[in-house]
Amino acid sequence: MSDENKLHGLSHLLEQPGAEEEVLVVDFDNLSVINAVVSNVSEWGFRLTSPDVGELYKSIGVRPKDGNKLVKAHVTSVKGNDAAVVFSKNEKSVSDKRREKRNNVSIPVQIADFEGITEISGTIVDAGKNGCRVTAKGLTSLPEEVLLTMKKFDRSVVAEFAWRNDTSAGLRLLWDRTLEQDDKDVDSDDDVPEMDAEEHQDA
């Protein structure tokens, strides 16, 4: 176990499958505050249960009942009243990513699994080079990794969910991955396109 996780406020619940504790959860993205129950605490993460868990996006702080500090963490998926959460491993890289320039856009997108069995129509509402936020219905029915297809791009883009609920999601864009060459290195990513405001003024 890392020293970092030994010190967090949930360490007394580690590796105790039946242990639960009421916590206060603060969402750093939308400033929502909810009450929840934390359980299944492991070295890498835990589960949050609350009827309000759908209000959470990605970056959260969890305050244990008797704690005076927030435990920083990331929501990876939401299903029903439960959220899967992982501890923040590198706070510097997280803050750097949050400073990435994002542009408000409106880009129609098809979101599908690699086999094309499940396909959902949605809209990209903000985007940067490394990620985007989409709105669509039924996002929780898709796997962790998906393909994004947009008319303005000549190939589909592989992406993975950073967080999601039934109607919106944050996605990391994996530009160095393709469906056809998933296990091969791309020669260069210097020509990686960026979904920016100038490119989509007509979106």
N, C-alpha and C. Protein backbone atom coordinates (compact mmCIF):
# COMPACT_ATOMS: atom_id res chain seq x y z
N MET A 1 0.84 -1.20 0.00
CA MET A 1 0.00 0.00 0.00
C MET A 1 0.88 1.25 0.00
N SER A 2 0.56 2.25 -0.79
CA SER A 2 1.37 3.45 -0.87
C SER A 2 1.19 4.30 0.37
N ASP A 3 2.23 5.13 0.69
CA ASP A 3 2.13 6.03 1.84
C ASP A 3 0.96 6.98 1.67
N GLU A 4 0.71 7.39 0.41
CA GLU A 4 -0.37 8.33 0.12
C GLU A 4 -1.71 7.79 0.59
N ASN A 5 -1.99 6.51 0.28
CA ASN A 5 -3.26 5.95 0.64
C ASN A 5 -3.32 5.52 2.10
N LYS A 6 -2.17 5.30 2.74
CA LYS A 6 -2.17 5.01 4.16
C LYS A 6 -2.69 6.21 4.94
N LEU A 7 -2.50 7.40 4.41
CA LEU A 7 -2.82 8.61 5.14
C LEU A 7 -4.22 9.13 4.86
N HIS A 8 -4.90 8.63 3.84
CA HIS A 8 -6.20 9.21 3.52
C HIS A 8 -7.24 8.86 4.58
N GLY A 9 -8.30 9.67 4.63
CA GLY A 9 -9.28 9.56 5.70
C GLY A 9 -10.16 8.33 5.67
N LEU A 10 -10.02 7.48 4.65
CA LEU A 10 -10.82 6.27 4.57
C LEU A 10 -10.00 5.01 4.84
N SER A 11 -8.75 5.19 5.26
CA SER A 11 -7.84 4.06 5.41
C SER A 11 -8.31 3.06 6.46
N HIS A 12 -9.11 3.53 7.45
CA HIS A 12 -9.59 2.61 8.48
C HIS A 12 -10.63 1.62 7.94
N LEU A 13 -11.12 1.87 6.70
CA LEU A 13 -12.10 0.97 6.09
C LEU A 13 -11.48 0.03 5.06
N LEU A 14 -10.17 0.13 4.87
CA LEU A 14 -9.49 -0.65 3.84
C LEU A 14 -9.70 -2.15 4.01
N GLU A 15 -9.96 -2.81 2.86
CA GLU A 15 -10.06 -4.28 2.79
C GLU A 15 -11.04 -4.86 3.80
N GLN A 16 -12.12 -4.13 4.06
CA GLN A 16 -13.21 -4.63 4.91
C GLN A 16 -14.50 -4.58 4.09
N PRO A 17 -14.82 -5.63 3.34
CA PRO A 17 -15.93 -5.62 2.39
C PRO A 17 -17.27 -5.18 2.99
N GLY A 18 -17.50 -5.50 4.27
CA GLY A 18 -18.79 -5.15 4.88
C GLY A 18 -18.82 -3.79 5.55
N ALA A 19 -17.68 -3.09 5.60
CA ALA A 19 -17.61 -1.82 6.33
C ALA A 19 -18.23 -0.69 5.52
N GLU A 20 -19.02 0.15 6.18
CA GLU A 20 -19.65 1.31 5.54
C GLU A 20 -19.50 2.52 6.44
N GLU A 21 -19.57 3.71 5.83
CA GLU A 21 -19.52 4.94 6.62
C GLU A 21 -20.20 6.07 5.86
N GLU A 22 -20.96 6.88 6.58
CA GLU A 22 -21.59 8.04 5.96
C GLU A 22 -20.54 9.12 5.70
N VAL A 23 -20.62 9.75 4.53
CA VAL A 23 -19.65 10.78 4.16
C VAL A 23 -20.38 11.94 3.48
N LEU A 24 -19.69 13.05 3.42
CA LEU A 24 -20.15 14.21 2.65
C LEU A 24 -19.31 14.27 1.38
N VAL A 25 -19.96 14.46 0.24
CA VAL A 25 -19.24 14.47 -1.04
C VAL A 25 -19.42 15.82 -1.72
N VAL A 26 -18.31 16.42 -2.13
CA VAL A 26 -18.32 17.70 -2.83
C VAL A 26 -17.84 17.46 -4.25
N ASP A 27 -18.62 17.91 -5.24
CA ASP A 27 -18.23 17.79 -6.64
C ASP A 27 -17.51 19.08 -7.06
N PHE A 28 -16.23 18.97 -7.46
CA PHE A 28 -15.45 20.15 -7.81
C PHE A 28 -15.84 20.72 -9.17
N ASP A 29 -16.52 19.93 -10.01
CA ASP A 29 -16.90 20.39 -11.34
C ASP A 29 -18.16 21.25 -11.32
N ASN A 30 -19.18 20.80 -10.57
CA ASN A 30 -20.44 21.56 -10.57
C ASN A 30 -20.83 22.09 -9.19
N LEU A 31 -19.94 21.86 -8.18
CA LEU A 31 -20.13 22.36 -6.82
C LEU A 31 -21.35 21.78 -6.11
N SER A 32 -21.81 20.61 -6.57
CA SER A 32 -22.87 19.91 -5.85
C SER A 32 -22.30 19.33 -4.55
N VAL A 33 -23.15 19.23 -3.54
CA VAL A 33 -22.79 18.61 -2.27
C VAL A 33 -23.87 17.60 -1.92
N ILE A 34 -23.49 16.34 -1.72
CA ILE A 34 -24.47 15.31 -1.40
C ILE A 34 -24.00 14.50 -0.19
N ASN A 35 -24.94 13.84 0.47
CA ASN A 35 -24.62 12.87 1.51
C ASN A 35 -24.63 11.49 0.87
N ALA A 36 -23.68 10.65 1.25
CA ALA A 36 -23.57 9.33 0.66
C ALA A 36 -22.99 8.35 1.67
N VAL A 37 -23.02 7.08 1.30
CA VAL A 37 -22.41 6.03 2.11
C VAL A 37 -21.25 5.44 1.32
N VAL A 38 -20.08 5.37 1.94
CA VAL A 38 -18.91 4.80 1.27
C VAL A 38 -18.74 3.36 1.73
N SER A 39 -18.38 2.48 0.79
CA SER A 39 -18.17 1.07 1.11
C SER A 39 -17.17 0.47 0.14
N ASN A 40 -16.83 -0.80 0.35
CA ASN A 40 -15.89 -1.52 -0.55
C ASN A 40 -14.60 -0.73 -0.75
N VAL A 41 -14.03 -0.20 0.30
CA VAL A 41 -12.80 0.60 0.20
C VAL A 41 -11.61 -0.32 -0.04
N SER A 42 -10.86 -0.02 -1.11
CA SER A 42 -9.64 -0.77 -1.41
C SER A 42 -8.49 0.23 -1.53
N GLU A 43 -7.33 -0.27 -1.88
CA GLU A 43 -6.17 0.61 -2.02
C GLU A 43 -6.36 1.61 -3.15
N TRP A 44 -7.15 1.22 -4.17
CA TRP A 44 -7.28 2.07 -5.36
C TRP A 44 -8.58 2.85 -5.41
N GLY A 45 -9.60 2.47 -4.63
CA GLY A 45 -10.86 3.20 -4.75
C GLY A 45 -11.94 2.68 -3.83
N PHE A 46 -13.20 3.02 -4.13
CA PHE A 46 -14.30 2.65 -3.26
C PHE A 46 -15.62 2.85 -4.00
N ARG A 47 -16.72 2.53 -3.31
CA ARG A 47 -18.05 2.71 -3.89
C ARG A 47 -18.81 3.76 -3.07
N LEU A 48 -19.53 4.62 -3.77
CA LEU A 48 -20.42 5.59 -3.12
C LEU A 48 -21.86 5.22 -3.44
N THR A 49 -22.72 5.28 -2.42
CA THR A 49 -24.13 4.98 -2.62
C THR A 49 -24.97 6.14 -2.10
N SER A 50 -25.84 6.65 -2.96
CA SER A 50 -26.72 7.75 -2.59
C SER A 50 -27.80 7.90 -3.65
N PRO A 51 -29.03 8.28 -3.27
CA PRO A 51 -30.05 8.56 -4.29
C PRO A 51 -29.70 9.78 -5.14
N ASP A 52 -28.73 10.59 -4.68
CA ASP A 52 -28.32 11.79 -5.40
C ASP A 52 -27.00 11.60 -6.15
N VAL A 53 -26.53 10.35 -6.26
CA VAL A 53 -25.20 10.13 -6.83
C VAL A 53 -25.13 10.56 -8.30
N GLY A 54 -26.27 10.62 -9.00
CA GLY A 54 -26.27 11.06 -10.39
C GLY A 54 -25.88 12.50 -10.58
N GLU A 55 -25.83 13.29 -9.50
CA GLU A 55 -25.42 14.69 -9.59
C GLU A 55 -23.91 14.83 -9.70
N LEU A 56 -23.16 13.75 -9.43
CA LEU A 56 -21.71 13.82 -9.45
C LEU A 56 -21.18 13.67 -10.87
N TYR A 57 -20.11 14.43 -11.20
CA TYR A 57 -19.44 14.30 -12.48
C TYR A 57 -18.13 13.54 -12.30
N LYS A 58 -17.01 14.21 -12.30
CA LYS A 58 -15.74 13.48 -12.28
C LYS A 58 -14.93 13.73 -11.01
N SER A 59 -14.49 14.97 -10.79
CA SER A 59 -13.57 15.27 -9.70
C SER A 59 -14.35 15.58 -8.42
N ILE A 60 -14.11 14.80 -7.38
CA ILE A 60 -14.85 14.98 -6.14
C ILE A 60 -13.92 15.00 -4.94
N GLY A 61 -14.44 15.49 -3.82
CA GLY A 61 -13.78 15.40 -2.54
C GLY A 61 -14.72 14.73 -1.56
N VAL A 62 -14.22 13.77 -0.79
CA VAL A 62 -15.04 13.02 0.15
C VAL A 62 -14.57 13.33 1.57
N ARG A 63 -15.51 13.77 2.43
CA ARG A 63 -15.14 14.05 3.82
C ARG A 63 -15.75 12.99 4.72
N PRO A 64 -14.92 12.17 5.36
CA PRO A 64 -15.43 11.17 6.30
C PRO A 64 -16.14 11.85 7.47
N LYS A 65 -16.94 11.09 8.16
CA LYS A 65 -17.79 11.62 9.23
C LYS A 65 -16.98 12.39 10.28
N ASP A 66 -15.85 11.84 10.69
CA ASP A 66 -15.04 12.49 11.72
C ASP A 66 -13.80 13.17 11.14
N GLY A 67 -13.77 13.38 9.82
CA GLY A 67 -12.59 13.96 9.19
C GLY A 67 -12.69 15.46 9.04
N ASN A 68 -11.54 16.11 8.93
CA ASN A 68 -11.51 17.55 8.70
C ASN A 68 -10.85 17.90 7.37
N LYS A 69 -10.56 16.87 6.56
CA LYS A 69 -9.98 17.08 5.24
C LYS A 69 -10.76 16.27 4.21
N LEU A 70 -10.75 16.78 2.97
CA LEU A 70 -11.39 16.06 1.88
C LEU A 70 -10.42 15.05 1.27
N VAL A 71 -10.92 13.87 0.95
CA VAL A 71 -10.16 12.86 0.21
C VAL A 71 -10.45 13.07 -1.27
N LYS A 72 -9.44 13.43 -2.06
CA LYS A 72 -9.65 13.68 -3.49
C LYS A 72 -9.79 12.38 -4.25
N ALA A 73 -10.78 12.36 -5.17
CA ALA A 73 -11.05 11.13 -5.92
C ALA A 73 -11.73 11.46 -7.23
N HIS A 74 -11.86 10.44 -8.10
CA HIS A 74 -12.50 10.59 -9.42
C HIS A 74 -13.63 9.57 -9.56
N VAL A 75 -14.77 10.01 -10.02
CA VAL A 75 -15.88 9.12 -10.35
C VAL A 75 -15.60 8.50 -11.73
N THR A 76 -15.64 7.17 -11.81
CA THR A 76 -15.39 6.51 -13.09
C THR A 76 -16.66 6.03 -13.76
N SER A 77 -17.69 5.71 -12.99
CA SER A 77 -18.97 5.32 -13.59
C SER A 77 -20.08 5.45 -12.55
N VAL A 78 -21.29 5.67 -13.04
CA VAL A 78 -22.47 5.78 -12.19
C VAL A 78 -23.54 4.85 -12.73
N LYS A 79 -24.11 4.04 -11.84
CA LYS A 79 -25.19 3.14 -12.24
C LYS A 79 -26.19 3.08 -11.10
N GLY A 80 -27.42 3.52 -11.37
CA GLY A 80 -28.43 3.55 -10.32
C GLY A 80 -28.03 4.49 -9.21
N ASN A 81 -28.00 3.99 -7.98
CA ASN A 81 -27.62 4.80 -6.82
C ASN A 81 -26.15 4.63 -6.44
N ASP A 82 -25.40 3.88 -7.26
CA ASP A 82 -24.00 3.59 -6.93
C ASP A 82 -23.03 4.26 -7.90
N ALA A 83 -21.91 4.71 -7.37
CA ALA A 83 -20.84 5.27 -8.19
C ALA A 83 -19.54 4.54 -7.88
N ALA A 84 -18.80 4.18 -8.93
CA ALA A 84 -17.45 3.62 -8.76
C ALA A 84 -16.46 4.77 -8.73
N VAL A 85 -15.57 4.78 -7.74
CA VAL A 85 -14.68 5.92 -7.51
C VAL A 85 -13.26 5.42 -7.31
N VAL A 86 -12.29 6.15 -7.89
CA VAL A 86 -10.87 5.83 -7.67
C VAL A 86 -10.19 7.02 -7.01
N PHE A 87 -9.20 6.73 -6.17
CA PHE A 87 -8.44 7.79 -5.52
C PHE A 87 -7.60 8.54 -6.55
N SER A 88 -7.40 9.84 -6.34
CA SER A 88 -6.51 10.62 -7.20
C SER A 88 -5.09 10.19 -6.92
N LYS A 89 -4.40 9.71 -7.96
CA LYS A 89 -3.02 9.22 -7.80
C LYS A 89 -2.00 10.33 -7.97
N ASN A 90 -2.31 11.29 -8.82
CA ASN A 90 -1.33 12.33 -9.12
C ASN A 90 -2.06 13.65 -9.23
N GLU A 91 -2.10 14.38 -8.13
CA GLU A 91 -2.89 15.61 -8.10
C GLU A 91 -2.38 16.66 -9.06
N LYS A 92 -1.05 16.67 -9.30
CA LYS A 92 -0.50 17.67 -10.22
C LYS A 92 -1.00 17.44 -11.64
N SER A 93 -0.99 16.18 -12.09
CA SER A 93 -1.43 15.92 -13.45
C SER A 93 -2.93 16.18 -13.59
N VAL A 94 -3.69 15.93 -12.52
CA VAL A 94 -5.12 16.21 -12.56
C VAL A 94 -5.36 17.70 -12.72
N SER A 95 -4.64 18.52 -11.94
CA SER A 95 -4.84 19.96 -12.05
C SER A 95 -4.38 20.48 -13.40
N ASP A 96 -3.31 19.87 -13.95
CA ASP A 96 -2.86 20.28 -15.27
C ASP A 96 -3.92 19.99 -16.32
N LYS A 97 -4.54 18.81 -16.23
CA LYS A 97 -5.56 18.46 -17.20
C LYS A 97 -6.76 19.40 -17.09
N ARG A 98 -7.10 19.83 -15.87
CA ARG A 98 -8.25 20.69 -15.70
C ARG A 98 -7.98 22.09 -16.25
N ARG A 99 -6.69 22.43 -16.47
CA ARG A 99 -6.38 23.74 -17.05
C ARG A 99 -6.37 23.69 -18.58
N GLU A 100 -6.59 22.51 -19.15
CA GLU A 100 -6.62 22.39 -20.60
C GLU A 100 -7.72 23.29 -21.18
N LYS A 101 -7.38 23.96 -22.27
CA LYS A 101 -8.35 24.83 -22.92
C LYS A 101 -9.50 24.00 -23.46
N ARG A 102 -10.71 24.39 -23.09
CA ARG A 102 -11.90 23.74 -23.61
C ARG A 102 -12.74 24.78 -24.36
N ASN A 103 -13.37 24.36 -25.43
CA ASN A 103 -14.19 25.25 -26.24
C ASN A 103 -15.63 24.77 -26.26
N ASN A 104 -16.55 25.72 -26.16
CA ASN A 104 -17.96 25.38 -26.30
C ASN A 104 -18.26 25.11 -27.77
N VAL A 105 -18.79 23.93 -28.05
CA VAL A 105 -19.08 23.53 -29.42
C VAL A 105 -20.45 22.84 -29.45
N SER A 106 -20.90 22.54 -30.63
CA SER A 106 -22.11 21.74 -30.80
C SER A 106 -21.89 20.84 -32.01
N ILE A 107 -21.35 19.66 -31.76
CA ILE A 107 -20.94 18.76 -32.83
C ILE A 107 -21.72 17.45 -32.73
N PRO A 108 -22.54 17.11 -33.73
CA PRO A 108 -23.22 15.82 -33.71
C PRO A 108 -22.20 14.68 -33.71
N VAL A 109 -22.46 13.64 -32.92
CA VAL A 109 -21.52 12.54 -32.81
C VAL A 109 -22.28 11.23 -32.64
N GLN A 110 -21.72 10.17 -33.21
CA GLN A 110 -22.24 8.82 -32.98
C GLN A 110 -21.28 8.13 -32.02
N ILE A 111 -21.80 7.58 -30.94
CA ILE A 111 -21.00 6.90 -29.92
C ILE A 111 -21.36 5.43 -29.95
N ALA A 112 -20.38 4.57 -30.19
CA ALA A 112 -20.68 3.15 -30.37
C ALA A 112 -19.61 2.27 -29.73
N ASP A 113 -20.00 1.02 -29.42
CA ASP A 113 -18.99 0.05 -29.01
C ASP A 113 -18.20 -0.40 -30.24
N PHE A 114 -17.09 -1.08 -30.01
CA PHE A 114 -16.21 -1.45 -31.11
C PHE A 114 -16.89 -2.39 -32.11
N GLU A 115 -17.86 -3.18 -31.64
CA GLU A 115 -18.53 -4.12 -32.54
C GLU A 115 -19.68 -3.47 -33.29
N GLY A 116 -20.06 -2.26 -32.91
CA GLY A 116 -21.17 -1.58 -33.56
C GLY A 116 -22.53 -2.12 -33.17
N ILE A 117 -22.58 -2.87 -32.07
CA ILE A 117 -23.86 -3.44 -31.62
C ILE A 117 -24.74 -2.36 -31.00
N THR A 118 -24.13 -1.53 -30.15
CA THR A 118 -24.87 -0.44 -29.52
C THR A 118 -24.33 0.89 -30.05
N GLU A 119 -25.21 1.71 -30.60
CA GLU A 119 -24.80 3.01 -31.14
C GLU A 119 -25.79 4.07 -30.68
N ILE A 120 -25.25 5.17 -30.17
CA ILE A 120 -26.08 6.24 -29.61
C ILE A 120 -25.73 7.55 -30.31
N SER A 121 -26.75 8.32 -30.65
CA SER A 121 -26.54 9.65 -31.23
C SER A 121 -26.49 10.67 -30.11
N GLY A 122 -25.51 11.57 -30.19
CA GLY A 122 -25.37 12.59 -29.16
C GLY A 122 -24.76 13.86 -29.71
N THR A 123 -24.40 14.75 -28.81
CA THR A 123 -23.80 16.03 -29.18
C THR A 123 -22.60 16.32 -28.29
N ILE A 124 -21.46 16.67 -28.91
CA ILE A 124 -20.31 17.15 -28.14
C ILE A 124 -20.56 18.61 -27.81
N VAL A 125 -20.56 18.95 -26.51
CA VAL A 125 -20.90 20.31 -26.10
C VAL A 125 -19.69 21.12 -25.63
N ASP A 126 -18.61 20.46 -25.26
CA ASP A 126 -17.34 21.18 -25.10
C ASP A 126 -16.21 20.21 -25.42
N ALA A 127 -15.11 20.76 -25.93
CA ALA A 127 -14.05 19.89 -26.43
C ALA A 127 -12.69 20.55 -26.33
N GLY A 128 -11.68 19.73 -26.13
CA GLY A 128 -10.28 20.15 -26.17
C GLY A 128 -9.49 19.06 -26.87
N LYS A 129 -8.18 19.19 -26.88
CA LYS A 129 -7.36 18.22 -27.60
C LYS A 129 -7.44 16.83 -26.97
N ASN A 130 -7.54 16.78 -25.64
CA ASN A 130 -7.46 15.50 -24.95
C ASN A 130 -8.78 14.97 -24.42
N GLY A 131 -9.84 15.76 -24.54
CA GLY A 131 -11.10 15.29 -23.99
C GLY A 131 -12.28 16.11 -24.45
N CYS A 132 -13.47 15.59 -24.15
CA CYS A 132 -14.68 16.31 -24.51
C CYS A 132 -15.82 15.89 -23.59
N ARG A 133 -16.88 16.69 -23.61
CA ARG A 133 -18.09 16.34 -22.87
C ARG A 133 -19.22 16.16 -23.86
N VAL A 134 -19.99 15.10 -23.69
CA VAL A 134 -21.08 14.81 -24.61
C VAL A 134 -22.40 14.73 -23.85
N THR A 135 -23.47 15.04 -24.56
CA THR A 135 -24.81 14.80 -24.03
C THR A 135 -25.51 13.80 -24.94
N ALA A 136 -26.17 12.84 -24.35
CA ALA A 136 -26.88 11.80 -25.10
C ALA A 136 -27.69 10.99 -24.10
N LYS A 137 -28.61 10.19 -24.60
CA LYS A 137 -29.39 9.31 -23.74
C LYS A 137 -28.87 7.89 -23.84
N GLY A 138 -28.81 7.20 -22.68
CA GLY A 138 -28.41 5.80 -22.67
C GLY A 138 -26.92 5.57 -22.61
N LEU A 139 -26.15 6.54 -22.14
CA LEU A 139 -24.69 6.40 -22.13
C LEU A 139 -24.20 5.28 -21.23
N THR A 140 -24.97 4.95 -20.19
CA THR A 140 -24.52 3.91 -19.27
C THR A 140 -24.61 2.52 -19.88
N SER A 141 -25.22 2.39 -21.06
CA SER A 141 -25.32 1.08 -21.71
C SER A 141 -24.07 0.73 -22.51
N LEU A 142 -23.15 1.68 -22.65
CA LEU A 142 -21.94 1.46 -23.45
C LEU A 142 -20.79 0.96 -22.58
N PRO A 143 -19.80 0.28 -23.18
CA PRO A 143 -18.62 -0.15 -22.43
C PRO A 143 -17.71 1.03 -22.10
N GLU A 144 -16.62 0.76 -21.38
CA GLU A 144 -15.72 1.83 -20.94
C GLU A 144 -15.04 2.52 -22.12
N GLU A 145 -14.68 1.75 -23.16
CA GLU A 145 -14.05 2.32 -24.34
C GLU A 145 -15.02 2.29 -25.51
N VAL A 146 -15.07 3.39 -26.25
CA VAL A 146 -16.05 3.53 -27.34
C VAL A 146 -15.39 4.18 -28.55
N LEU A 147 -16.14 4.22 -29.65
CA LEU A 147 -15.72 4.91 -30.86
C LEU A 147 -16.61 6.13 -31.08
N LEU A 148 -15.98 7.26 -31.35
CA LEU A 148 -16.71 8.48 -31.67
C LEU A 148 -16.59 8.73 -33.17
N THR A 149 -17.72 8.92 -33.83
CA THR A 149 -17.73 9.17 -35.27
C THR A 149 -18.37 10.52 -35.53
N MET A 150 -17.60 11.42 -36.20
CA MET A 150 -18.08 12.76 -36.52
C MET A 150 -17.86 13.02 -38.00
N LYS A 151 -18.75 13.75 -38.63
CA LYS A 151 -18.67 14.01 -40.07
C LYS A 151 -17.39 14.73 -40.45
N LYS A 152 -16.89 15.62 -39.58
CA LYS A 152 -15.74 16.44 -39.92
C LYS A 152 -14.41 15.70 -39.79
N PHE A 153 -14.43 14.47 -39.27
CA PHE A 153 -13.20 13.70 -39.14
C PHE A 153 -13.26 12.50 -40.08
N ASP A 154 -12.12 12.19 -40.70
CA ASP A 154 -12.12 11.12 -41.70
C ASP A 154 -12.00 9.73 -41.08
N ARG A 155 -11.84 9.65 -39.77
CA ARG A 155 -11.81 8.35 -39.12
C ARG A 155 -12.44 8.47 -37.73
N SER A 156 -12.90 7.34 -37.22
CA SER A 156 -13.47 7.32 -35.88
C SER A 156 -12.36 7.51 -34.84
N VAL A 157 -12.72 8.08 -33.70
CA VAL A 157 -11.76 8.33 -32.63
C VAL A 157 -12.07 7.41 -31.45
N VAL A 158 -11.05 6.72 -30.96
CA VAL A 158 -11.23 5.88 -29.78
C VAL A 158 -11.23 6.77 -28.54
N ALA A 159 -12.16 6.52 -27.62
CA ALA A 159 -12.25 7.32 -26.41
C ALA A 159 -12.63 6.42 -25.24
N GLU A 160 -12.34 6.89 -24.03
CA GLU A 160 -12.75 6.16 -22.84
C GLU A 160 -13.48 7.10 -21.90
N PHE A 161 -14.47 6.57 -21.18
CA PHE A 161 -15.25 7.39 -20.26
C PHE A 161 -14.42 7.75 -19.03
N ALA A 162 -14.41 9.04 -18.70
CA ALA A 162 -13.81 9.49 -17.44
C ALA A 162 -14.89 9.52 -16.36
N TRP A 163 -16.10 9.91 -16.76
CA TRP A 163 -17.28 9.86 -15.88
C TRP A 163 -18.50 9.84 -16.79
N ARG A 164 -19.61 9.41 -16.24
CA ARG A 164 -20.85 9.43 -17.03
C ARG A 164 -22.06 9.22 -16.13
N ASN A 165 -23.20 9.71 -16.61
CA ASN A 165 -24.49 9.36 -16.05
C ASN A 165 -25.43 9.07 -17.21
N ASP A 166 -26.73 9.06 -16.99
CA ASP A 166 -27.65 8.65 -18.05
C ASP A 166 -27.71 9.63 -19.22
N THR A 167 -27.38 10.89 -18.99
CA THR A 167 -27.59 11.88 -20.06
C THR A 167 -26.34 12.66 -20.47
N SER A 168 -25.24 12.52 -19.77
CA SER A 168 -24.01 13.23 -20.16
C SER A 168 -22.80 12.45 -19.70
N ALA A 169 -21.63 12.80 -20.29
CA ALA A 169 -20.41 12.07 -19.96
C ALA A 169 -19.18 12.89 -20.33
N GLY A 170 -18.09 12.62 -19.64
CA GLY A 170 -16.78 13.15 -20.00
C GLY A 170 -15.96 12.03 -20.62
N LEU A 171 -15.28 12.33 -21.71
CA LEU A 171 -14.51 11.32 -22.43
C LEU A 171 -13.07 11.76 -22.62
N ARG A 172 -12.12 10.84 -22.41
CA ARG A 172 -10.73 11.08 -22.77
C ARG A 172 -10.54 10.59 -24.19
N LEU A 173 -9.92 11.42 -25.04
CA LEU A 173 -9.71 11.06 -26.44
C LEU A 173 -8.37 10.37 -26.61
N LEU A 174 -8.38 9.15 -27.12
CA LEU A 174 -7.16 8.35 -27.27
C LEU A 174 -6.71 8.41 -28.73
N TRP A 175 -6.08 9.55 -29.09
CA TRP A 175 -5.73 9.81 -30.49
C TRP A 175 -4.74 8.79 -31.04
N ASP A 176 -3.93 8.16 -30.17
CA ASP A 176 -2.91 7.23 -30.66
C ASP A 176 -3.46 5.82 -30.85
N ARG A 177 -4.77 5.66 -30.70
CA ARG A 177 -5.39 4.36 -30.88
C ARG A 177 -6.35 4.39 -32.06
N THR A 178 -6.38 3.31 -32.82
CA THR A 178 -7.39 3.16 -33.87
C THR A 178 -7.98 1.77 -33.74
N LEU A 179 -9.17 1.58 -34.27
CA LEU A 179 -9.81 0.27 -34.19
C LEU A 179 -9.02 -0.76 -34.99
N GLU A 180 -8.48 -0.32 -36.12
CA GLU A 180 -7.76 -1.26 -36.98
C GLU A 180 -6.35 -1.57 -36.47
N GLN A 181 -5.73 -0.59 -35.82
CA GLN A 181 -4.33 -0.76 -35.38
C GLN A 181 -4.24 -0.53 -33.89
N ASP A 182 -5.08 -1.22 -33.15
CA ASP A 182 -5.18 -0.99 -31.71
C ASP A 182 -3.90 -1.31 -30.97
N ASP A 183 -3.10 -2.25 -31.51
CA ASP A 183 -1.89 -2.67 -30.81
C ASP A 183 -0.62 -2.17 -31.48
N LYS A 184 -0.75 -1.19 -32.38
CA LYS A 184 0.42 -0.66 -33.07
C LYS A 184 0.65 0.80 -32.68
N ASP A 185 1.89 1.20 -32.71
CA ASP A 185 2.21 2.59 -32.42
C ASP A 185 1.92 3.46 -33.61
N VAL A 186 1.43 4.65 -33.36
CA VAL A 186 1.25 5.62 -34.43
C VAL A 186 2.60 6.29 -34.69
N ASP A 187 2.94 6.51 -35.96
CA ASP A 187 4.25 7.06 -36.29
C ASP A 187 4.48 8.40 -35.63
N SER A 188 3.50 9.27 -35.67
CA SER A 188 3.65 10.59 -35.08
C SER A 188 2.29 11.13 -34.73
N ASP A 189 2.22 11.86 -33.61
CA ASP A 189 0.94 12.48 -33.26
C ASP A 189 1.00 13.99 -33.47
N ASP A 190 1.98 14.44 -34.28
CA ASP A 190 2.09 15.87 -34.53
C ASP A 190 0.88 16.40 -35.28
N ASP A 191 0.22 15.50 -36.06
CA ASP A 191 -0.90 15.96 -36.85
C ASP A 191 -2.24 15.66 -36.18
N VAL A 192 -2.20 15.44 -34.85
CA VAL A 192 -3.44 15.16 -34.14
C VAL A 192 -4.39 16.34 -34.29
N PRO A 193 -5.60 16.09 -34.77
CA PRO A 193 -6.56 17.19 -34.91
C PRO A 193 -7.07 17.63 -33.55
N GLU A 194 -7.54 18.84 -33.47
CA GLU A 194 -8.10 19.34 -32.22
C GLU A 194 -9.47 19.91 -32.49
N MET A 195 -10.43 19.49 -31.66
CA MET A 195 -11.78 19.99 -31.84
C MET A 195 -11.88 21.36 -31.18
N ASP A 196 -11.55 22.40 -31.93
CA ASP A 196 -11.55 23.72 -31.33
C ASP A 196 -12.65 24.59 -31.93
N ALA A 197 -12.78 25.78 -31.36
CA ALA A 197 -13.87 26.65 -31.74
C ALA A 197 -13.74 27.11 -33.20
N GLU A 198 -12.50 27.39 -33.64
CA GLU A 198 -12.31 27.90 -35.01
C GLU A 198 -12.72 26.84 -36.03
N GLU A 199 -12.36 25.58 -35.76
CA GLU A 199 -12.63 24.53 -36.72
C GLU A 199 -14.12 24.24 -36.84
N HIS A 200 -14.88 24.62 -35.81
CA HIS A 200 -16.30 24.26 -35.81
C HIS A 200 -17.19 25.48 -35.65
N GLN A 201 -16.81 26.56 -36.24
CA GLN A 201 -17.64 27.76 -36.15
C GLN A 201 -18.99 27.53 -36.81
N ASP A 202 -19.03 26.60 -37.78
CA ASP A 202 -20.27 26.35 -38.46
C ASP A 202 -21.05 25.19 -37.85
N ALA A 203 -20.55 24.67 -36.71
CA ALA A 203 -21.22 23.52 -36.08
C ALA A 203 -22.53 23.95 -35.45
